Amino acid sequence: MLSTDSGLRSTQALDALLPVVRSLHMTPIPTRVCATNNDFDENLQITNPKIQDRIELFCDELIWYMEKLFEE
């Protein structure tokens, strides 16, 4: 799950969405990414290497999950 906020990095919004995701019979990816405005430059490019690392981990988990889901 991913979220961004103007100035306060918090997982509370993501925590609140977990029951919604599960009630829709979906599986949330374990890694969460919470970013703030300070993690982006004026062109909305990610400048925080820790956020970039978490996004890469999130994508790796999503790819792994999709591969397992569609295995024969």
Protein backbone atom coordinates (compact mmCIF):
# COMPACT_ATOMS: atom_id res chain seq x y z
CA MET A 1 0.00 0.00 0.00
CA LEU A 2 1.20 3.48 -0.82
CA SER A 3 0.35 6.88 0.62
CA THR A 4 1.62 10.42 0.50
CA ASP A 5 0.90 13.38 2.76
CA SER A 6 1.94 16.99 2.68
CA GLY A 7 4.16 16.97 5.73
CA LEU A 8 3.58 14.15 8.19
CA ARG A 9 4.79 10.62 7.43
CA SER A 10 2.27 8.24 8.98
CA THR A 11 0.93 4.77 8.32
CA GLN A 12 -2.47 5.52 9.89
CA ALA A 13 -4.22 6.02 6.54
CA LEU A 14 -2.83 2.72 5.30
CA ASP A 15 -3.81 0.97 8.53
CA ALA A 16 -7.38 2.23 8.07
CA LEU A 17 -7.50 0.86 4.51
CA LEU A 18 -6.40 -2.68 5.42
CA PRO A 19 -9.89 -3.85 6.49
CA VAL A 20 -11.32 -2.38 3.28
CA VAL A 21 -8.81 -4.26 1.14
CA ARG A 22 -9.49 -7.50 3.00
CA SER A 23 -13.28 -7.06 2.83
CA LEU A 24 -12.93 -6.89 -0.95
CA HIS A 25 -11.18 -10.30 -0.79
CA MET A 26 -7.89 -8.74 -1.83
CA THR A 27 -4.45 -9.44 -0.39
CA PRO A 28 -2.48 -6.36 0.67
CA ILE A 29 1.23 -6.33 -0.14
CA PRO A 30 3.13 -6.39 3.20
CA THR A 31 5.47 -3.49 2.42
CA ARG A 32 3.99 -0.05 2.91
CA VAL A 33 5.37 3.17 1.49
CA CYS A 34 4.52 6.46 3.18
CA ALA A 35 5.99 9.58 1.60
CA THR A 36 5.78 13.31 2.23
CA ASN A 37 6.27 16.35 0.02
CA ASN A 38 9.91 16.49 1.16
CA ASP A 39 10.56 13.16 -0.57
CA PHE A 40 9.98 14.72 -4.02
CA ASP A 41 11.58 17.53 -6.00
CA GLU A 42 9.70 20.26 -7.89
CA ASN A 43 9.22 17.85 -10.84
CA LEU A 44 7.71 15.21 -8.52
CA GLN A 45 10.75 12.97 -8.86
CA ILE A 46 11.64 10.94 -5.77
CA THR A 47 14.67 12.38 -3.99
CA ASN A 48 14.66 10.29 -0.82
CA PRO A 49 16.70 7.09 -1.35
CA LYS A 50 14.88 5.32 1.51
CA ILE A 51 11.53 5.89 -0.20
CA GLN A 52 12.99 4.67 -3.49
CA ASP A 53 14.25 1.51 -1.75
CA ARG A 54 10.82 0.84 -0.21
CA ILE A 55 9.11 1.34 -3.58
CA GLU A 56 11.51 -1.18 -5.14
CA LEU A 57 10.79 -3.66 -2.32
CA PHE A 58 7.04 -3.08 -2.76
CA CYS A 59 7.32 -3.74 -6.51
CA ASP A 60 9.40 -6.87 -5.94
CA GLU A 61 6.75 -8.21 -3.54
CA LEU A 62 3.96 -7.36 -5.98
CA ILE A 63 5.75 -9.17 -8.83
CA TRP A 64 6.41 -12.20 -6.61
CA TYR A 65 2.77 -12.31 -5.55
CA MET A 66 1.49 -12.05 -9.13
CA GLU A 67 3.86 -14.81 -10.28
CA LYS A 68 2.62 -17.11 -7.49
CA LEU A 69 -0.99 -16.24 -8.21
CA PHE A 70 -0.72 -17.23 -11.86
CA GLU A 71 1.49 -20.30 -11.49
CA GLU A 72 0.00 -23.43 -12.95
